[in-house]
Amino acid sequence: MDKNIGEQLNKAYEAFRQACMDRDSAVKELQQKTENYEQRIREQQEQLSLQQTIIDKLKSQLLLVNSSQDNSYGCMPLLEDSEARKNNLTLDQPLDKVKSGVPREKESKKRSHPARVAQWLSIDL
């Protein structure tokens, strides 16, 4: 009977040891996933910051252009975002197309990566 109890203790110890190893493995996996998610969040925050910088610089350039147009050609009010989307208008269209409401071509609907937009606009980031 002592031999039977010894075997049961060994089996129980091995089960406990395996459960501890499984737990440690799960903890490591969870830590790795947490680190990966945190890294992705940091990268997305950096991308948002870059995009906000580009937006701010574009707004300041637009204000500068609009103020110079005020002095020479008269002022054309900016379209609200929802109105511009509804009419498929962009800020880079010629003024006569914007006034007539001609929608932009399908090619201009493609979105560019913020870094390429910044490079195209010669914005130093």
N, C-alpha and C. Protein backbone atom coordinates (compact mmCIF):
# COMPACT_ATOMS: atom_id res chain seq x y z
N MET A 1 0.81 -1.19 0.00
CA MET A 1 0.00 0.00 0.00
C MET A 1 0.86 1.27 0.00
N ASP A 2 2.02 1.23 0.66
CA ASP A 2 2.91 2.38 0.66
C ASP A 2 3.41 2.67 -0.76
N LYS A 3 3.62 1.59 -1.53
CA LYS A 3 4.06 1.75 -2.90
C LYS A 3 2.98 2.46 -3.72
N ASN A 4 1.73 2.13 -3.49
CA ASN A 4 0.60 2.74 -4.19
C ASN A 4 0.48 4.23 -3.86
N ILE A 5 0.69 4.58 -2.61
CA ILE A 5 0.64 5.99 -2.18
C ILE A 5 1.80 6.77 -2.80
N GLY A 6 2.96 6.14 -2.85
CA GLY A 6 4.13 6.77 -3.46
C GLY A 6 3.89 7.06 -4.94
N GLU A 7 3.31 6.11 -5.64
CA GLU A 7 3.00 6.31 -7.06
C GLU A 7 1.98 7.44 -7.25
N GLN A 8 1.00 7.46 -6.39
CA GLN A 8 -0.02 8.52 -6.48
C GLN A 8 0.61 9.89 -6.22
N LEU A 9 1.52 9.95 -5.25
CA LEU A 9 2.20 11.21 -4.96
C LEU A 9 3.06 11.65 -6.15
N ASN A 10 3.75 10.72 -6.75
CA ASN A 10 4.57 11.05 -7.93
C ASN A 10 3.69 11.56 -9.07
N LYS A 11 2.57 10.89 -9.31
CA LYS A 11 1.66 11.33 -10.38
C LYS A 11 1.10 12.72 -10.07
N ALA A 12 0.74 12.94 -8.82
CA ALA A 12 0.19 14.25 -8.43
C ALA A 12 1.27 15.33 -8.59
N TYR A 13 2.51 15.00 -8.19
CA TYR A 13 3.60 15.97 -8.33
C TYR A 13 3.86 16.28 -9.80
N GLU A 14 3.89 15.27 -10.66
CA GLU A 14 4.10 15.49 -12.09
C GLU A 14 2.97 16.33 -12.69
N ALA A 15 1.74 16.08 -12.27
CA ALA A 15 0.60 16.87 -12.76
C ALA A 15 0.74 18.32 -12.31
N PHE A 16 1.14 18.52 -11.05
CA PHE A 16 1.34 19.87 -10.53
C PHE A 16 2.47 20.57 -11.29
N ARG A 17 3.59 19.84 -11.52
CA ARG A 17 4.73 20.39 -12.25
C ARG A 17 4.33 20.78 -13.68
N GLN A 18 3.56 19.93 -14.34
CA GLN A 18 3.11 20.22 -15.70
C GLN A 18 2.17 21.44 -15.71
N ALA A 19 1.29 21.52 -14.72
CA ALA A 19 0.38 22.68 -14.63
C ALA A 19 1.16 23.97 -14.42
N CYS A 20 2.22 23.90 -13.61
CA CYS A 20 3.05 25.09 -13.39
C CYS A 20 3.78 25.49 -14.67
N MET A 21 4.28 24.52 -15.43
CA MET A 21 4.95 24.82 -16.70
C MET A 21 3.96 25.40 -17.70
N ASP A 22 2.76 24.86 -17.75
CA ASP A 22 1.72 25.40 -18.65
C ASP A 22 1.37 26.84 -18.27
N ARG A 23 1.25 27.09 -16.95
CA ARG A 23 0.95 28.44 -16.48
C ARG A 23 2.07 29.40 -16.86
N ASP A 24 3.32 29.01 -16.65
CA ASP A 24 4.46 29.87 -16.99
C ASP A 24 4.49 30.16 -18.49
N SER A 25 4.20 29.16 -19.28
CA SER A 25 4.16 29.33 -20.73
C SER A 25 3.04 30.31 -21.13
N ALA A 26 1.88 30.16 -20.51
CA ALA A 26 0.76 31.07 -20.81
C ALA A 26 1.08 32.50 -20.39
N VAL A 27 1.75 32.67 -19.26
CA VAL A 27 2.13 34.00 -18.79
C VAL A 27 3.11 34.64 -19.78
N LYS A 28 4.10 33.86 -20.25
CA LYS A 28 5.07 34.39 -21.23
C LYS A 28 4.37 34.78 -22.53
N GLU A 29 3.46 33.93 -22.98
CA GLU A 29 2.72 34.22 -24.21
C GLU A 29 1.90 35.50 -24.06
N LEU A 30 1.24 35.65 -22.93
CA LEU A 30 0.45 36.85 -22.67
C LEU A 30 1.33 38.09 -22.62
N GLN A 31 2.49 38.00 -21.99
CA GLN A 31 3.41 39.13 -21.95
C GLN A 31 3.88 39.51 -23.34
N GLN A 32 4.18 38.51 -24.17
CA GLN A 32 4.63 38.78 -25.54
C GLN A 32 3.53 39.46 -26.34
N LYS A 33 2.31 38.96 -26.22
CA LYS A 33 1.20 39.58 -26.94
C LYS A 33 0.97 41.00 -26.46
N THR A 34 1.07 41.23 -25.16
CA THR A 34 0.89 42.57 -24.60
C THR A 34 1.95 43.52 -25.15
N GLU A 35 3.21 43.06 -25.19
CA GLU A 35 4.28 43.90 -25.73
C GLU A 35 4.04 44.20 -27.21
N ASN A 36 3.59 43.20 -27.96
CA ASN A 36 3.32 43.42 -29.39
C ASN A 36 2.19 44.43 -29.58
N TYR A 37 1.11 44.30 -28.81
CA TYR A 37 0.00 45.25 -28.91
C TYR A 37 0.44 46.66 -28.52
N GLU A 38 1.23 46.76 -27.46
CA GLU A 38 1.72 48.08 -27.04
C GLU A 38 2.59 48.70 -28.12
N GLN A 39 3.42 47.90 -28.78
CA GLN A 39 4.26 48.40 -29.87
C GLN A 39 3.40 48.88 -31.04
N ARG A 40 2.37 48.11 -31.38
CA ARG A 40 1.47 48.52 -32.46
C ARG A 40 0.76 49.82 -32.10
N ILE A 41 0.35 49.96 -30.85
CA ILE A 41 -0.31 51.20 -30.40
C ILE A 41 0.65 52.38 -30.53
N ARG A 42 1.91 52.19 -30.10
CA ARG A 42 2.91 53.27 -30.22
C ARG A 42 3.10 53.66 -31.69
N GLU A 43 3.21 52.67 -32.56
CA GLU A 43 3.39 52.96 -33.99
C GLU A 43 2.19 53.71 -34.56
N GLN A 44 0.99 53.30 -34.17
CA GLN A 44 -0.21 53.98 -34.66
C GLN A 44 -0.30 55.40 -34.11
N GLN A 45 0.13 55.60 -32.87
CA GLN A 45 0.14 56.95 -32.31
C GLN A 45 1.13 57.83 -33.04
N GLU A 46 2.28 57.27 -33.40
CA GLU A 46 3.26 58.03 -34.17
C GLU A 46 2.70 58.39 -35.55
N GLN A 47 2.00 57.44 -36.16
CA GLN A 47 1.41 57.69 -37.47
C GLN A 47 0.33 58.78 -37.36
N LEU A 48 -0.49 58.72 -36.31
CA LEU A 48 -1.50 59.76 -36.11
C LEU A 48 -0.85 61.12 -35.89
N SER A 49 0.23 61.14 -35.14
CA SER A 49 0.94 62.39 -34.90
C SER A 49 1.49 62.95 -36.20
N LEU A 50 2.06 62.08 -37.03
CA LEU A 50 2.58 62.51 -38.33
C LEU A 50 1.45 63.06 -39.20
N GLN A 51 0.32 62.36 -39.22
CA GLN A 51 -0.81 62.82 -40.01
C GLN A 51 -1.34 64.16 -39.50
N GLN A 52 -1.37 64.34 -38.18
CA GLN A 52 -1.85 65.60 -37.62
C GLN A 52 -0.89 66.73 -37.98
N THR A 53 0.42 66.45 -37.97
CA THR A 53 1.40 67.46 -38.37
C THR A 53 1.19 67.86 -39.82
N ILE A 54 0.96 66.87 -40.68
CA ILE A 54 0.70 67.16 -42.09
C ILE A 54 -0.56 67.99 -42.23
N ILE A 55 -1.61 67.62 -41.52
CA ILE A 55 -2.87 68.37 -41.58
C ILE A 55 -2.66 69.81 -41.13
N ASP A 56 -1.94 70.00 -40.03
CA ASP A 56 -1.69 71.35 -39.53
C ASP A 56 -0.90 72.18 -40.54
N LYS A 57 0.12 71.58 -41.15
CA LYS A 57 0.91 72.31 -42.14
C LYS A 57 0.09 72.63 -43.38
N LEU A 58 -0.74 71.68 -43.79
CA LEU A 58 -1.61 71.93 -44.95
C LEU A 58 -2.61 73.05 -44.66
N LYS A 59 -3.15 73.05 -43.44
CA LYS A 59 -4.09 74.12 -43.07
C LYS A 59 -3.40 75.48 -43.09
N SER A 60 -2.17 75.51 -42.57
CA SER A 60 -1.47 76.80 -42.56
C SER A 60 -1.14 77.25 -43.98
N GLN A 61 -0.75 76.30 -44.84
CA GLN A 61 -0.50 76.65 -46.24
C GLN A 61 -1.78 77.12 -46.92
N LEU A 62 -2.88 76.46 -46.62
CA LEU A 62 -4.17 76.85 -47.21
C LEU A 62 -4.57 78.24 -46.74
N LEU A 63 -4.38 78.53 -45.47
CA LEU A 63 -4.68 79.87 -44.98
C LEU A 63 -3.83 80.91 -45.68
N LEU A 64 -2.57 80.58 -45.89
CA LEU A 64 -1.67 81.50 -46.57
C LEU A 64 -2.13 81.73 -48.01
N VAL A 65 -2.48 80.66 -48.69
CA VAL A 65 -2.96 80.77 -50.07
C VAL A 65 -4.27 81.55 -50.11
N ASN A 66 -5.17 81.24 -49.21
CA ASN A 66 -6.45 81.95 -49.17
C ASN A 66 -6.27 83.43 -48.86
N SER A 67 -5.35 83.75 -47.97
CA SER A 67 -5.14 85.16 -47.65
C SER A 67 -4.55 85.90 -48.84
N SER A 68 -3.69 85.23 -49.61
CA SER A 68 -3.14 85.90 -50.79
C SER A 68 -4.20 86.02 -51.88
N GLN A 69 -5.12 85.06 -51.95
CA GLN A 69 -6.21 85.16 -52.93
C GLN A 69 -7.18 86.25 -52.54
N ASP A 70 -7.37 86.46 -51.25
CA ASP A 70 -8.26 87.52 -50.78
C ASP A 70 -7.80 88.86 -51.32
N ASN A 71 -6.51 89.07 -51.36
CA ASN A 71 -5.96 90.34 -51.79
C ASN A 71 -6.01 90.51 -53.30
N SER A 72 -5.96 89.41 -54.07
CA SER A 72 -5.87 89.56 -55.51
C SER A 72 -7.12 89.14 -56.27
N TYR A 73 -7.77 88.07 -55.88
CA TYR A 73 -8.88 87.55 -56.67
C TYR A 73 -10.22 87.55 -55.94
N GLY A 74 -10.25 87.89 -54.73
CA GLY A 74 -11.47 87.76 -53.97
C GLY A 74 -11.47 86.44 -53.23
N CYS A 75 -12.33 86.31 -52.28
CA CYS A 75 -12.32 85.13 -51.42
C CYS A 75 -13.38 84.14 -51.85
N MET A 76 -13.00 82.88 -51.92
CA MET A 76 -13.96 81.81 -52.16
C MET A 76 -14.05 81.03 -50.86
N PRO A 77 -15.22 80.93 -50.24
CA PRO A 77 -15.32 80.24 -48.96
C PRO A 77 -14.98 78.76 -49.11
N LEU A 78 -14.34 78.22 -48.07
CA LEU A 78 -13.99 76.81 -48.07
C LEU A 78 -15.25 75.98 -47.87
N LEU A 79 -15.29 74.83 -48.53
CA LEU A 79 -16.40 73.92 -48.35
C LEU A 79 -16.22 73.18 -47.03
N GLU A 80 -17.30 72.93 -46.35
CA GLU A 80 -17.24 72.11 -45.15
C GLU A 80 -16.86 70.69 -45.58
N ASP A 81 -16.24 69.93 -44.68
CA ASP A 81 -15.80 68.58 -45.02
C ASP A 81 -16.94 67.73 -45.56
N SER A 82 -18.10 67.78 -44.91
CA SER A 82 -19.21 66.95 -45.36
C SER A 82 -19.71 67.38 -46.73
N GLU A 83 -19.69 68.68 -46.98
CA GLU A 83 -20.12 69.17 -48.28
C GLU A 83 -19.13 68.78 -49.36
N ALA A 84 -17.85 68.86 -49.04
CA ALA A 84 -16.83 68.48 -50.01
C ALA A 84 -16.92 66.99 -50.33
N ARG A 85 -17.13 66.15 -49.31
CA ARG A 85 -17.26 64.72 -49.55
C ARG A 85 -18.51 64.43 -50.36
N LYS A 86 -19.61 65.13 -50.03
CA LYS A 86 -20.87 64.90 -50.73
C LYS A 86 -20.72 65.23 -52.21
N ASN A 87 -19.98 66.27 -52.52
CA ASN A 87 -19.81 66.69 -53.92
C ASN A 87 -18.57 66.10 -54.57
N ASN A 88 -17.82 65.24 -53.82
CA ASN A 88 -16.58 64.64 -54.33
C ASN A 88 -15.60 65.70 -54.82
N LEU A 89 -15.44 66.76 -54.06
CA LEU A 89 -14.53 67.84 -54.42
C LEU A 89 -13.27 67.74 -53.59
N THR A 90 -12.15 68.16 -54.17
CA THR A 90 -10.89 68.20 -53.44
C THR A 90 -10.30 69.59 -53.54
N LEU A 91 -9.35 69.88 -52.63
CA LEU A 91 -8.74 71.20 -52.62
C LEU A 91 -7.75 71.39 -53.76
N ASP A 92 -7.31 70.31 -54.41
CA ASP A 92 -6.32 70.46 -55.46
C ASP A 92 -6.95 70.57 -56.85
N GLN A 93 -8.28 70.64 -56.91
CA GLN A 93 -8.93 70.81 -58.21
C GLN A 93 -8.83 72.26 -58.67
N PRO A 94 -8.83 72.45 -59.98
CA PRO A 94 -8.87 73.83 -60.48
C PRO A 94 -10.14 74.54 -59.99
N LEU A 95 -10.02 75.83 -59.80
CA LEU A 95 -11.11 76.61 -59.24
C LEU A 95 -12.37 76.51 -60.08
N ASP A 96 -12.24 76.47 -61.42
CA ASP A 96 -13.44 76.42 -62.26
C ASP A 96 -14.20 75.10 -62.07
N LYS A 97 -13.49 73.98 -61.80
CA LYS A 97 -14.18 72.72 -61.56
C LYS A 97 -14.89 72.73 -60.22
N VAL A 98 -14.26 73.34 -59.23
CA VAL A 98 -14.89 73.41 -57.92
C VAL A 98 -16.16 74.24 -57.99
N LYS A 99 -16.10 75.37 -58.69
CA LYS A 99 -17.27 76.23 -58.80
C LYS A 99 -18.40 75.55 -59.54
N SER A 100 -18.07 74.80 -60.60
CA SER A 100 -19.13 74.17 -61.38
C SER A 100 -19.59 72.87 -60.75
N GLY A 101 -18.87 72.38 -59.74
CA GLY A 101 -19.29 71.17 -59.05
C GLY A 101 -18.95 69.90 -59.81
N VAL A 102 -18.01 69.96 -60.74
CA VAL A 102 -17.61 68.77 -61.47
C VAL A 102 -16.86 67.85 -60.52
N PRO A 103 -17.31 66.59 -60.39
CA PRO A 103 -16.64 65.69 -59.45
C PRO A 103 -15.25 65.31 -59.93
N ARG A 104 -14.39 64.97 -58.97
CA ARG A 104 -13.03 64.60 -59.29
C ARG A 104 -13.00 63.26 -60.03
N GLU A 105 -11.90 63.02 -60.76
CA GLU A 105 -11.75 61.77 -61.47
C GLU A 105 -11.52 60.64 -60.49
N LYS A 106 -11.78 59.40 -60.95
CA LYS A 106 -11.62 58.24 -60.09
C LYS A 106 -10.18 58.08 -59.63
N GLU A 107 -9.21 58.48 -60.45
CA GLU A 107 -7.81 58.34 -60.08
C GLU A 107 -7.47 59.15 -58.84
N SER A 108 -8.07 60.28 -58.67
CA SER A 108 -7.73 61.12 -57.53
C SER A 108 -8.36 60.62 -56.24
N LYS A 109 -9.21 59.56 -56.33
CA LYS A 109 -9.81 59.00 -55.12
C LYS A 109 -8.83 58.12 -54.36
N LYS A 110 -7.73 57.72 -55.02
CA LYS A 110 -6.74 56.89 -54.34
C LYS A 110 -6.12 57.68 -53.21
N ARG A 111 -5.94 57.01 -52.07
CA ARG A 111 -5.35 57.66 -50.91
C ARG A 111 -3.84 57.43 -50.92
N SER A 112 -3.11 58.45 -50.50
CA SER A 112 -1.66 58.36 -50.44
C SER A 112 -1.22 58.19 -49.00
N HIS A 113 -0.09 57.54 -48.84
CA HIS A 113 0.52 57.39 -47.52
C HIS A 113 0.96 58.77 -47.05
N PRO A 114 0.79 59.09 -45.75
CA PRO A 114 1.13 60.43 -45.24
C PRO A 114 2.57 60.84 -45.54
N ALA A 115 3.51 59.91 -45.49
CA ALA A 115 4.90 60.28 -45.76
C ALA A 115 5.07 60.71 -47.20
N ARG A 116 4.36 60.03 -48.15
CA ARG A 116 4.45 60.42 -49.55
C ARG A 116 3.78 61.77 -49.77
N VAL A 117 2.67 62.01 -49.07
CA VAL A 117 2.01 63.31 -49.18
C VAL A 117 2.95 64.40 -48.68
N ALA A 118 3.61 64.13 -47.56
CA ALA A 118 4.55 65.11 -46.99
C ALA A 118 5.69 65.36 -47.97
N GLN A 119 6.19 64.29 -48.59
CA GLN A 119 7.28 64.44 -49.55
C GLN A 119 6.79 65.24 -50.75
N TRP A 120 5.60 64.93 -51.24
CA TRP A 120 5.04 65.63 -52.39
C TRP A 120 4.85 67.11 -52.11
N LEU A 121 4.48 67.42 -50.87
CA LEU A 121 4.25 68.81 -50.50
C LEU A 121 5.52 69.50 -50.03
N SER A 122 6.61 68.77 -50.03
CA SER A 122 7.91 69.27 -49.55
C SER A 122 7.82 69.78 -48.12
N ILE A 123 7.15 69.01 -47.29
CA ILE A 123 7.01 69.35 -45.88
C ILE A 123 8.13 68.63 -45.13
N ASP A 124 8.84 69.39 -44.33
CA ASP A 124 9.88 68.81 -43.51
C ASP A 124 9.25 68.37 -42.21
N LEU A 125 9.37 67.08 -41.94
CA LEU A 125 8.79 66.55 -40.70
C LEU A 125 9.86 66.16 -39.74
